[in-house]
Structures are given as C-alpha cells and as structure tokens.
Amino acid sequence: MANHNDNDRTSIPGPRQQSPAADHGQAQRQPAAAPLLLEELDDKQPRTQALRAWWADAWDDGGVLHDRWEDLRRAPELGWHGMANWVKTTLGLAGICAVLTLLDGATDVLAGTLHRLLTAVPRVQVGTDTSTGVFAVIDQPIRTYIAAHSAALPISASTVYTVWQIVGLFGLVGGFFRSSGARLTWTAWGAASIAMVWDAAPDEGRTIATGLAVLAWTVASAFALRGLTLRPTFFTHIHNAGHQIEPHIHLPAPAADVAPDDEDDAPDNVHPLQR
C-alpha cells in the first residue's frame, strides 16, 4: 500500500516541476518553428542575388542603365537633333513645367499690379493745382476740361484722367516701335489734348498754352513717329524679258545616190525629194 502511494506521489508533479505532457508539447512545437525561418531565408537570398545580378547587368555594356547614362553623357555633344528622344521629351516636359511656374508667378504679379493701379485711380485729384512748372501750362487745362465734362459719366473724372494718360503712353511707346495703330492713336491723342488745352485755358494765355501744347506734342512725336517720312516713294518696276526659246528640228538631207554612167547627161539641178 505504501509502495502504491509512493508511486502515486512520484507521478504527481510538484509546483516547480513541469508536467511530461507540457514537455512533450514544447518538444513538438520547437522543431516546427525552425523550418519556417529557413524557408524565409531561402526566399530572401534568391531575390537579393537576382537584384544584384540585374544591377550588374544593367551597368554592363549594352545594359539599360549604361545606355541611358551614355545618352545623357553624349547629349551636349550631339545637340538637340542628335540626342536621344527620351532626353528631348524630358527636357521638353521640364521646360513646360518651368514656363507654367513662371506664368503662375507672373499672373499673380500682374494681378497685384493691376489691383493697385485700379485702387489708385480715385486718389488722382482732378481740378486742383497738382502740377507745377511748364508742364502745368498743359496739364492743368486738361484736368479742368475733364473735371467739367465728366460729371454726367458713369465713371469718375480721376478714372478718365488716368485712362487719358495710359492711352498717351501706349501711343508713344507703340509708335516708337513703329506700330501703325499706335501711331494713329498718338495722332488722335495729341489732337484731342491740344483741343482740350485750347478750350479750358484762360483767355489771356490761351494762345501761349495751345502753342506750348503743340510744341510738346511735336517734340514727343519725334520718338513716336520715328522713321516716318513725307517724301513720296517711287516704285520702279524693271521688266526683264526672258530668253525666248524656239525649238527647231533639223533633219539631215540624205546622201544623193550615184547616178549610173548612162545618166551622166542628166541636169545638175535635179535633186531627190527630201522627206
């Protein structure tokens, strides 16, 4: 009985002793994890070797990366017409992107400048003595004329005065670059300015103010109408008659047959008929 109890006690594990079933389960689980790690290593090694092999082949003579590098290296020597098509495409796309970026920035700058110009228009004082010197003799009558005749317009007198200045600047600059439309605009602008000075100038100095306006416009016209001459232009058309070619067909005359001895008495003025 005691032996039976001793056997039972030896088979019961203690608190620090692991059961045989647990040891058997761990023994079964540990060998199963090792083959998975080996398979992963076996899968990574062929991929790494294949990548290294591809990289080495790509930089060899005739490889993809080697040919692309040669195209880039020889592009400055070959020029635009001789370089590879993919280099042209890349440069073209880069240029288009750069132009779009510049246009985007230029649009913002132009929009800001235009906004400042439009907001600055009402600040221009018309009808007050804001100009001095010789320029005031021409400028003040024009301001006075615009202020007196723009009250019924849907825009302010300051806007009219600013538009008048912009149109004059356009005619001067465009006429300098020999634009026909700008020169016509400059001529009409000058005539209108002189008429406004004549109408709004004081009676005592109207003649002097108009004369100064004419002189100022004439001096500025030396730049706006440069190259324009009043000399008549003659166009002489010289007609050179071309060479006349008349084809002629010359047929050589056939050789005359030798007459027999009995026909020696034939006259010499008889010749065979030419075909």
C-alpha atoms as a PDB file:
ATOM      1  CA  MET A   1       0.000   0.000   0.000  1.00  0.00           C
ATOM      2  CA  ALA A   2       2.858   2.286   0.827  1.00  0.00           C
ATOM      3  CA  ASN A   3       4.537   1.405  -2.412  1.00  0.00           C
ATOM      4  CA  HIS A   4       1.402   2.283  -4.313  1.00  0.00           C
ATOM      5  CA  ASN A   5       1.193   5.666  -2.618  1.00  0.00           C
ATOM      6  CA  ASP A   6       4.865   6.316  -3.313  1.00  0.00           C
ATOM      7  CA  ASN A   7       4.262   5.605  -6.992  1.00  0.00           C
ATOM      8  CA  ASP A   8       1.345   7.998  -6.991  1.00  0.00           C
ATOM      9  CA  ARG A   9       3.379  10.684  -5.346  1.00  0.00           C
ATOM     10  CA  THR A  10       6.217  10.350  -7.802  1.00  0.00           C
ATOM     11  CA  SER A  11       3.808  10.638 -10.750  1.00  0.00           C
ATOM     12  CA  ILE A  12       2.205  13.817  -9.438  1.00  0.00           C
ATOM     13  CA  PRO A  13       4.306  16.849 -10.468  1.00  0.00           C
ATOM     14  CA  GLY A  14       5.199  19.446  -7.897  1.00  0.00           C
ATOM     15  CA  PRO A  15       4.689  23.148  -8.171  1.00  0.00           C
ATOM     16  CA  ARG A  16       8.134  23.666  -9.688  1.00  0.00           C
ATOM     17  CA  GLN A  17       8.166  20.529 -11.759  1.00  0.00           C
ATOM     18  CA  GLN A  18       6.735  20.689 -15.282  1.00  0.00           C
ATOM     19  CA  SER A  19       4.396  18.022 -16.437  1.00  0.00           C
ATOM     20  CA  PRO A  20       5.593  15.498 -19.025  1.00  0.00           C
ATOM     21  CA  ALA A  21       2.711  16.454 -21.314  1.00  0.00           C
ATOM     22  CA  ALA A  22       3.852  20.073 -21.391  1.00  0.00           C
ATOM     23  CA  ASP A  23       7.393  18.971 -22.129  1.00  0.00           C
ATOM     24  CA  HIS A  24       6.156  16.782 -24.947  1.00  0.00           C
ATOM     25  CA  GLY A  25       4.093  19.671 -26.399  1.00  0.00           C
ATOM     26  CA  GLN A  26       7.017  22.062 -26.322  1.00  0.00           C
ATOM     27  CA  ALA A  27       9.208  19.460 -27.898  1.00  0.00           C
ATOM     28  CA  GLN A  28       6.704  19.152 -30.724  1.00  0.00           C
ATOM     29  CA  ARG A  29       6.346  22.962 -31.227  1.00  0.00           C
ATOM     30  CA  GLN A  30      10.039  23.920 -31.226  1.00  0.00           C
ATOM     31  CA  PRO A  31      11.183  21.919 -34.255  1.00  0.00           C
ATOM     32  CA  ALA A  32       8.193  23.262 -36.292  1.00  0.00           C
ATOM     33  CA  ALA A  33       9.344  26.919 -35.997  1.00  0.00           C
ATOM     34  CA  ALA A  34      12.850  26.308 -37.373  1.00  0.00           C
ATOM     35  CA  PRO A  35      11.823  25.253 -40.915  1.00  0.00           C
ATOM     36  CA  LEU A  36       9.768  28.486 -41.350  1.00  0.00           C
ATOM     37  CA  LEU A  37      12.780  30.644 -40.637  1.00  0.00           C
ATOM     38  CA  LEU A  38      14.890  28.644 -43.034  1.00  0.00           C
ATOM     39  CA  GLU A  39      12.269  28.982 -45.762  1.00  0.00           C
ATOM     40  CA  GLU A  40      12.147  32.769 -45.326  1.00  0.00           C
ATOM     41  CA  LEU A  41      15.907  32.999 -45.570  1.00  0.00           C
ATOM     42  CA  ASP A  42      15.884  30.780 -48.637  1.00  0.00           C
ATOM     43  CA  ASP A  43      13.273  33.078 -50.244  1.00  0.00           C
ATOM     44  CA  LYS A  44      15.174  36.311 -49.491  1.00  0.00           C
ATOM     45  CA  GLN A  45      18.531  35.109 -50.707  1.00  0.00           C
ATOM     46  CA  PRO A  46      17.443  34.378 -54.319  1.00  0.00           C
ATOM     47  CA  ARG A  47      15.707  37.746 -54.501  1.00  0.00           C
ATOM     48  CA  THR A  48      18.787  39.608 -53.294  1.00  0.00           C
ATOM     49  CA  GLN A  49      21.024  37.642 -55.634  1.00  0.00           C
ATOM     50  CA  ALA A  50      18.667  38.304 -58.547  1.00  0.00           C
ATOM     51  CA  LEU A  51      18.602  42.045 -57.756  1.00  0.00           C
ATOM     52  CA  ARG A  52      22.386  42.190 -57.614  1.00  0.00           C
ATOM     53  CA  ALA A  53      22.659  40.283 -60.865  1.00  0.00           C
ATOM     54  CA  TRP A  54      20.196  42.641 -62.578  1.00  0.00           C
ATOM     55  CA  TRP A  55      22.052  45.696 -61.274  1.00  0.00           C
ATOM     56  CA  ALA A  56      25.351  44.357 -62.571  1.00  0.00           C
ATOM     57  CA  ASP A  57      23.878  43.503 -65.983  1.00  0.00           C
ATOM     58  CA  ALA A  58      22.190  46.917 -66.266  1.00  0.00           C
ATOM     59  CA  TRP A  59      25.525  48.740 -65.904  1.00  0.00           C
ATOM     60  CA  ASP A  60      27.408  46.471 -68.315  1.00  0.00           C
ATOM     61  CA  ASP A  61      27.898  47.443 -71.956  1.00  0.00           C
ATOM     62  CA  GLY A  62      24.523  47.287 -73.629  1.00  0.00           C
ATOM     63  CA  GLY A  63      22.615  47.386 -70.348  1.00  0.00           C
ATOM     64  CA  VAL A  64      19.616  49.599 -69.709  1.00  0.00           C
ATOM     65  CA  LEU A  65      21.241  51.933 -67.188  1.00  0.00           C
ATOM     66  CA  HIS A  66      24.521  52.022 -69.117  1.00  0.00           C
ATOM     67  CA  ASP A  67      22.770  53.082 -72.330  1.00  0.00           C
ATOM     68  CA  ARG A  68      20.748  55.750 -70.526  1.00  0.00           C
ATOM     69  CA  TRP A  69      23.890  57.132 -68.946  1.00  0.00           C
ATOM     70  CA  GLU A  70      25.630  57.220 -72.321  1.00  0.00           C
ATOM     71  CA  ASP A  71      22.662  59.123 -73.786  1.00  0.00           C
ATOM     72  CA  LEU A  72      22.943  61.735 -71.042  1.00  0.00           C
ATOM     73  CA  ARG A  73      26.727  61.982 -71.348  1.00  0.00           C
ATOM     74  CA  ARG A  74      26.690  62.441 -75.121  1.00  0.00           C
ATOM     75  CA  ALA A  75      23.692  64.769 -75.242  1.00  0.00           C
ATOM     76  CA  PRO A  76      25.748  68.035 -75.069  1.00  0.00           C
ATOM     77  CA  GLU A  77      27.997  66.817 -77.897  1.00  0.00           C
ATOM     78  CA  LEU A  78      25.222  65.600 -80.167  1.00  0.00           C
ATOM     79  CA  GLY A  79      22.987  68.655 -79.748  1.00  0.00           C
ATOM     80  CA  TRP A  80      19.220  68.825 -79.884  1.00  0.00           C
ATOM     81  CA  HIS A  81      18.833  66.979 -83.187  1.00  0.00           C
ATOM     82  CA  GLY A  82      21.247  64.173 -82.314  1.00  0.00           C
ATOM     83  CA  MET A  83      20.351  63.412 -78.709  1.00  0.00           C
ATOM     84  CA  ALA A  84      18.038  60.570 -77.704  1.00  0.00           C
ATOM     85  CA  ASN A  85      14.294  61.051 -77.949  1.00  0.00           C
ATOM     86  CA  TRP A  86      13.693  60.342 -74.270  1.00  0.00           C
ATOM     87  CA  VAL A  87      16.146  63.121 -73.349  1.00  0.00           C
ATOM     88  CA  LYS A  88      14.257  65.531 -75.624  1.00  0.00           C
ATOM     89  CA  THR A  89      10.968  64.525 -74.036  1.00  0.00           C
ATOM     90  CA  THR A  90      12.347  65.003 -70.517  1.00  0.00           C
ATOM     91  CA  LEU A  91      13.802  68.406 -71.350  1.00  0.00           C
ATOM     92  CA  GLY A  92      10.580  69.459 -73.066  1.00  0.00           C
ATOM     93  CA  LEU A  93       8.439  68.481 -70.091  1.00  0.00           C
ATOM     94  CA  ALA A  94      10.831  70.251 -67.714  1.00  0.00           C
ATOM     95  CA  GLY A  95      10.693  73.387 -69.851  1.00  0.00           C
ATOM     96  CA  ILE A  96       6.905  73.323 -69.970  1.00  0.00           C
ATOM     97  CA  CYS A  97       6.746  72.949 -66.189  1.00  0.00           C
ATOM     98  CA  ALA A  98       9.161  75.855 -65.758  1.00  0.00           C
ATOM     99  CA  VAL A  99       7.119  78.058 -68.108  1.00  0.00           C
ATOM    100  CA  LEU A 100       3.906  77.200 -66.284  1.00  0.00           C
ATOM    101  CA  THR A 101       5.551  78.032 -62.959  1.00  0.00           C
ATOM    102  CA  LEU A 102       6.785  81.371 -64.289  1.00  0.00           C
ATOM    103  CA  LEU A 103       3.392  82.162 -65.782  1.00  0.00           C
ATOM    104  CA  ASP A 104       1.758  81.360 -62.481  1.00  0.00           C
ATOM    105  CA  GLY A 105       4.062  83.754 -60.677  1.00  0.00           C
ATOM    106  CA  ALA A 106       3.756  86.410 -63.393  1.00  0.00           C
ATOM    107  CA  THR A 107      -0.040  86.172 -63.274  1.00  0.00           C
ATOM    108  CA  ASP A 108      -0.016  86.875 -59.559  1.00  0.00           C
ATOM    109  CA  VAL A 109       2.329  89.842 -60.034  1.00  0.00           C
ATOM    110  CA  LEU A 110       0.270  91.287 -62.885  1.00  0.00           C
ATOM    111  CA  ALA A 111      -2.958  90.805 -60.948  1.00  0.00           C
ATOM    112  CA  GLY A 112      -1.469  92.600 -57.924  1.00  0.00           C
ATOM    113  CA  THR A 113      -0.152  95.449 -60.091  1.00  0.00           C
ATOM    114  CA  LEU A 114      -3.493  95.856 -61.826  1.00  0.00           C
ATOM    115  CA  HIS A 115      -5.290  95.831 -58.489  1.00  0.00           C
ATOM    116  CA  ARG A 116      -3.008  98.548 -57.133  1.00  0.00           C
ATOM    117  CA  LEU A 117      -3.487 100.591 -60.304  1.00  0.00           C
ATOM    118  CA  LEU A 118      -7.262 100.375 -60.110  1.00  0.00           C
ATOM    119  CA  THR A 119      -7.324 101.201 -56.426  1.00  0.00           C
ATOM    120  CA  ALA A 120      -5.000 104.163 -57.012  1.00  0.00           C
ATOM    121  CA  VAL A 121      -7.219 105.727 -59.685  1.00  0.00           C
ATOM    122  CA  PRO A 122      -9.626 107.515 -57.307  1.00  0.00           C
ATOM    123  CA  ARG A 123      -6.694 109.146 -55.499  1.00  0.00           C
ATOM    124  CA  VAL A 124      -5.798 111.230 -58.558  1.00  0.00           C
ATOM    125  CA  GLN A 125      -7.064 114.735 -57.906  1.00  0.00           C
ATOM    126  CA  VAL A 126      -8.589 116.399 -60.942  1.00  0.00           C
ATOM    127  CA  GLY A 127      -9.277 120.100 -60.997  1.00  0.00           C
ATOM    128  CA  THR A 128      -6.658 121.042 -58.418  1.00  0.00           C
ATOM    129  CA  ASP A 129      -3.255 122.577 -58.998  1.00  0.00           C
ATOM    130  CA  THR A 130      -1.140 119.446 -58.509  1.00  0.00           C
ATOM    131  CA  SER A 131       1.335 120.152 -61.354  1.00  0.00           C
ATOM    132  CA  THR A 132       3.906 122.920 -61.482  1.00  0.00           C
ATOM    133  CA  GLY A 133       6.256 124.465 -63.984  1.00  0.00           C
ATOM    134  CA  VAL A 134       5.910 124.376 -67.742  1.00  0.00           C
ATOM    135  CA  PHE A 135       4.057 121.083 -67.558  1.00  0.00           C
ATOM    136  CA  ALA A 136       1.285 122.777 -65.558  1.00  0.00           C
ATOM    137  CA  VAL A 137       0.508 125.040 -68.526  1.00  0.00           C
ATOM    138  CA  ILE A 138      -0.610 121.947 -70.463  1.00  0.00           C
ATOM    139  CA  ASP A 139      -1.712 119.653 -67.657  1.00  0.00           C
ATOM    140  CA  GLN A 140      -3.989 121.978 -65.679  1.00  0.00           C
ATOM    141  CA  PRO A 141      -6.265 122.902 -68.623  1.00  0.00           C
ATOM    142  CA  ILE A 142      -6.649 119.197 -69.436  1.00  0.00           C
ATOM    143  CA  ARG A 143      -7.556 118.418 -65.796  1.00  0.00           C
ATOM    144  CA  THR A 144     -10.036 121.258 -65.756  1.00  0.00           C
ATOM    145  CA  TYR A 145     -11.638 120.160 -69.035  1.00  0.00           C
ATOM    146  CA  ILE A 146     -12.002 116.558 -67.836  1.00  0.00           C
ATOM    147  CA  ALA A 147     -13.454 117.629 -64.479  1.00  0.00           C
ATOM    148  CA  ALA A 148     -16.003 119.912 -66.177  1.00  0.00           C
ATOM    149  CA  HIS A 149     -17.199 117.445 -68.820  1.00  0.00           C
ATOM    150  CA  SER A 150     -17.177 114.105 -66.934  1.00  0.00           C
ATOM    151  CA  ALA A 151     -19.807 114.844 -64.278  1.00  0.00           C
ATOM    152  CA  ALA A 152     -22.549 113.005 -66.184  1.00  0.00           C
ATOM    153  CA  LEU A 153     -20.407 109.964 -66.954  1.00  0.00           C
ATOM    154  CA  PRO A 154     -20.756 106.673 -65.018  1.00  0.00           C
ATOM    155  CA  ILE A 155     -17.048 106.857 -64.154  1.00  0.00           C
ATOM    156  CA  SER A 156     -15.205 109.457 -62.132  1.00  0.00           C
ATOM    157  CA  ALA A 157     -13.068 112.236 -63.522  1.00  0.00           C
ATOM    158  CA  SER A 158      -9.996 110.633 -61.967  1.00  0.00           C
ATOM    159  CA  THR A 159     -10.598 107.473 -63.987  1.00  0.00           C
ATOM    160  CA  VAL A 160     -10.953 109.479 -67.192  1.00  0.00           C
ATOM    161  CA  TYR A 161      -7.711 111.315 -66.482  1.00  0.00           C
ATOM    162  CA  THR A 162      -5.867 108.036 -65.792  1.00  0.00           C
ATOM    163  CA  VAL A 163      -7.209 106.457 -68.996  1.00  0.00           C
ATOM    164  CA  TRP A 164      -6.083 109.555 -70.921  1.00  0.00           C
ATOM    165  CA  GLN A 165      -2.553 109.142 -69.554  1.00  0.00           C
ATOM    166  CA  ILE A 166      -2.452 105.406 -70.318  1.00  0.00           C
ATOM    167  CA  VAL A 167      -3.620 105.945 -73.907  1.00  0.00           C
ATOM    168  CA  GLY A 168      -0.958 108.610 -74.447  1.00  0.00           C
ATOM    169  CA  LEU A 169       1.752 106.328 -73.070  1.00  0.00           C
ATOM    170  CA  PHE A 170       0.560 103.490 -75.290  1.00  0.00           C
ATOM    171  CA  GLY A 171       0.690 105.695 -78.392  1.00  0.00           C
ATOM    172  CA  LEU A 172       4.185 106.945 -77.538  1.00  0.00           C
ATOM    173  CA  VAL A 173       5.704 103.529 -76.830  1.00  0.00           C
ATOM    174  CA  GLY A 174       3.869 101.737 -79.636  1.00  0.00           C
ATOM    175  CA  GLY A 175       4.744 104.454 -82.128  1.00  0.00           C
ATOM    176  CA  PHE A 176       8.399 104.199 -81.145  1.00  0.00           C
ATOM    177  CA  PHE A 177       8.301 100.535 -82.179  1.00  0.00           C
ATOM    178  CA  ARG A 178       6.672 101.585 -85.488  1.00  0.00           C
ATOM    179  CA  SER A 179       3.190 100.266 -84.875  1.00  0.00           C
ATOM    180  CA  SER A 180       0.709 101.806 -87.314  1.00  0.00           C
ATOM    181  CA  GLY A 181      -2.231 101.521 -84.907  1.00  0.00           C
ATOM    182  CA  ALA A 182      -0.225 103.102 -82.077  1.00  0.00           C
ATOM    183  CA  ARG A 183       0.819 105.978 -84.330  1.00  0.00           C
ATOM    184  CA  LEU A 184      -2.800 106.649 -85.281  1.00  0.00           C
ATOM    185  CA  THR A 185      -3.670 106.568 -81.575  1.00  0.00           C
ATOM    186  CA  TRP A 186      -0.847 109.015 -80.820  1.00  0.00           C
ATOM    187  CA  THR A 187      -2.046 111.408 -83.516  1.00  0.00           C
ATOM    188  CA  ALA A 188      -5.647 111.349 -82.279  1.00  0.00           C
ATOM    189  CA  TRP A 189      -4.488 111.690 -78.646  1.00  0.00           C
ATOM    190  CA  GLY A 190      -2.354 114.713 -79.470  1.00  0.00           C
ATOM    191  CA  ALA A 191      -5.150 116.432 -81.396  1.00  0.00           C
ATOM    192  CA  ALA A 192      -7.610 115.826 -78.522  1.00  0.00           C
ATOM    193  CA  SER A 193      -5.124 117.113 -75.950  1.00  0.00           C
ATOM    194  CA  ILE A 194      -4.485 120.297 -77.929  1.00  0.00           C
ATOM    195  CA  ALA A 195      -8.235 120.846 -78.307  1.00  0.00           C
ATOM    196  CA  MET A 196      -8.776 120.443 -74.548  1.00  0.00           C
ATOM    197  CA  VAL A 197      -5.977 122.914 -73.790  1.00  0.00           C
ATOM    198  CA  TRP A 198      -7.489 125.450 -76.205  1.00  0.00           C
ATOM    199  CA  ASP A 199     -10.938 125.094 -74.656  1.00  0.00           C
ATOM    200  CA  ALA A 200     -10.012 125.142 -70.951  1.00  0.00           C
ATOM    201  CA  ALA A 201      -7.023 127.501 -70.899  1.00  0.00           C
ATOM    202  CA  PRO A 202      -7.577 131.055 -69.588  1.00  0.00           C
ATOM    203  CA  ASP A 203      -8.494 133.626 -72.232  1.00  0.00           C
ATOM    204  CA  GLU A 204      -5.390 135.724 -71.608  1.00  0.00           C
ATOM    205  CA  GLY A 205      -2.970 132.817 -72.064  1.00  0.00           C
ATOM    206  CA  ARG A 206      -4.943 130.542 -74.363  1.00  0.00           C
ATOM    207  CA  THR A 207      -2.710 131.110 -77.364  1.00  0.00           C
ATOM    208  CA  ILE A 208       0.501 130.553 -75.399  1.00  0.00           C
ATOM    209  CA  ALA A 209      -0.858 127.423 -73.693  1.00  0.00           C
ATOM    210  CA  THR A 210      -2.029 125.962 -77.021  1.00  0.00           C
ATOM    211  CA  GLY A 211       1.292 126.754 -78.677  1.00  0.00           C
ATOM    212  CA  LEU A 212       3.218 125.050 -75.882  1.00  0.00           C
ATOM    213  CA  ALA A 213       0.931 122.038 -76.161  1.00  0.00           C
ATOM    214  CA  VAL A 214       1.604 121.828 -79.902  1.00  0.00           C
ATOM    215  CA  LEU A 215       5.357 122.121 -79.365  1.00  0.00           C
ATOM    216  CA  ALA A 216       5.369 119.468 -76.634  1.00  0.00           C
ATOM    217  CA  TRP A 217       3.372 117.067 -78.785  1.00  0.00           C
ATOM    218  CA  THR A 218       5.678 117.735 -81.767  1.00  0.00           C
ATOM    219  CA  VAL A 219       8.805 117.012 -79.726  1.00  0.00           C
ATOM    220  CA  ALA A 220       7.290 113.789 -78.395  1.00  0.00           C
ATOM    221  CA  SER A 221       6.294 112.857 -81.954  1.00  0.00           C
ATOM    222  CA  ALA A 222       9.983 112.666 -82.866  1.00  0.00           C
ATOM    223  CA  PHE A 223      10.030 109.448 -80.862  1.00  0.00           C
ATOM    224  CA  ALA A 224       6.508 108.206 -81.565  1.00  0.00           C
ATOM    225  CA  LEU A 225       6.712 108.806 -85.337  1.00  0.00           C
ATOM    226  CA  ARG A 226      10.367 107.987 -85.891  1.00  0.00           C
ATOM    227  CA  GLY A 227      11.187 106.720 -89.357  1.00  0.00           C
ATOM    228  CA  LEU A 228       8.048 108.245 -90.830  1.00  0.00           C
ATOM    229  CA  THR A 229       8.821 110.455 -93.834  1.00  0.00           C
ATOM    230  CA  LEU A 230       6.710 112.666 -96.069  1.00  0.00           C
ATOM    231  CA  ARG A 231       8.780 112.038 -99.161  1.00  0.00           C
ATOM    232  CA  PRO A 232       6.881 110.222-101.880  1.00  0.00           C
ATOM    233  CA  THR A 233       8.054 106.756-102.564  1.00  0.00           C
ATOM    234  CA  PHE A 234       8.601 105.709-106.149  1.00  0.00           C
ATOM    235  CA  PHE A 235       8.479 102.090-107.120  1.00  0.00           C
ATOM    236  CA  THR A 236      10.276 101.386-110.381  1.00  0.00           C
ATOM    237  CA  HIS A 237       9.457  98.080-111.913  1.00  0.00           C
ATOM    238  CA  ILE A 238      12.051  96.846-114.345  1.00  0.00           C
ATOM    239  CA  HIS A 239      10.778  94.153-116.602  1.00  0.00           C
ATOM    240  CA  ASN A 240      13.492  91.884-117.893  1.00  0.00           C
ATOM    241  CA  ALA A 241      12.287  89.955-120.864  1.00  0.00           C
ATOM    242  CA  GLY A 242      13.135  86.330-120.520  1.00  0.00           C
ATOM    243  CA  HIS A 243      15.024  84.369-123.068  1.00  0.00           C
ATOM    244  CA  GLN A 244      12.794  83.105-125.797  1.00  0.00           C
ATOM    245  CA  ILE A 245      13.393  79.551-126.795  1.00  0.00           C
ATOM    246  CA  GLU A 246      12.128  78.446-130.185  1.00  0.00           C
ATOM    247  CA  PRO A 247      12.761  74.781-130.866  1.00  0.00           C
ATOM    248  CA  HIS A 248      13.754  73.841-134.371  1.00  0.00           C
ATOM    249  CA  ILE A 249      14.063  70.381-135.839  1.00  0.00           C
ATOM    250  CA  HIS A 250      16.819  69.970-138.389  1.00  0.00           C
ATOM    251  CA  LEU A 251      16.724  66.810-140.455  1.00  0.00           C
ATOM    252  CA  PRO A 252      19.954  65.996-142.267  1.00  0.00           C
ATOM    253  CA  ALA A 253      19.499  65.576-146.052  1.00  0.00           C
ATOM    254  CA  PRO A 254      20.067  62.034-147.274  1.00  0.00           C
ATOM    255  CA  ALA A 255      23.132  61.427-149.395  1.00  0.00           C
ATOM    256  CA  ALA A 256      22.430  61.585-153.132  1.00  0.00           C
ATOM    257  CA  ASP A 257      22.656  58.261-154.967  1.00  0.00           C
ATOM    258  CA  VAL A 258      25.380  57.978-157.521  1.00  0.00           C
ATOM    259  CA  ALA A 259      23.845  58.116-160.972  1.00  0.00           C
ATOM    260  CA  PRO A 260      24.763  55.365-163.454  1.00  0.00           C
ATOM    261  CA  ASP A 261      27.052  56.105-166.353  1.00  0.00           C
ATOM    262  CA  ASP A 262      24.228  56.313-168.842  1.00  0.00           C
ATOM    263  CA  GLU A 263      22.652  59.119-166.845  1.00  0.00           C
ATOM    264  CA  ASP A 264      25.628  61.441-166.793  1.00  0.00           C
ATOM    265  CA  ASP A 265      23.806  63.733-169.135  1.00  0.00           C
ATOM    266  CA  ALA A 266      21.118  64.470-166.500  1.00  0.00           C
ATOM    267  CA  PRO A 267      20.957  68.133-165.441  1.00  0.00           C
ATOM    268  CA  ASP A 268      22.637  69.124-162.184  1.00  0.00           C
ATOM    269  CA  ASN A 269      19.630  70.953-160.859  1.00  0.00           C
ATOM    270  CA  VAL A 270      17.641  67.751-160.270  1.00  0.00           C
ATOM    271  CA  HIS A 271      17.775  66.567-156.637  1.00  0.00           C
ATOM    272  CA  PRO A 272      15.878  63.785-154.903  1.00  0.00           C
ATOM    273  CA  LEU A 273      12.818  64.674-152.889  1.00  0.00           C
ATOM    274  CA  GLN A 274      13.555  65.136-149.171  1.00  0.00           C
ATOM    275  CA  ARG A 275      11.200  63.507-146.773  1.00  0.00           C
END
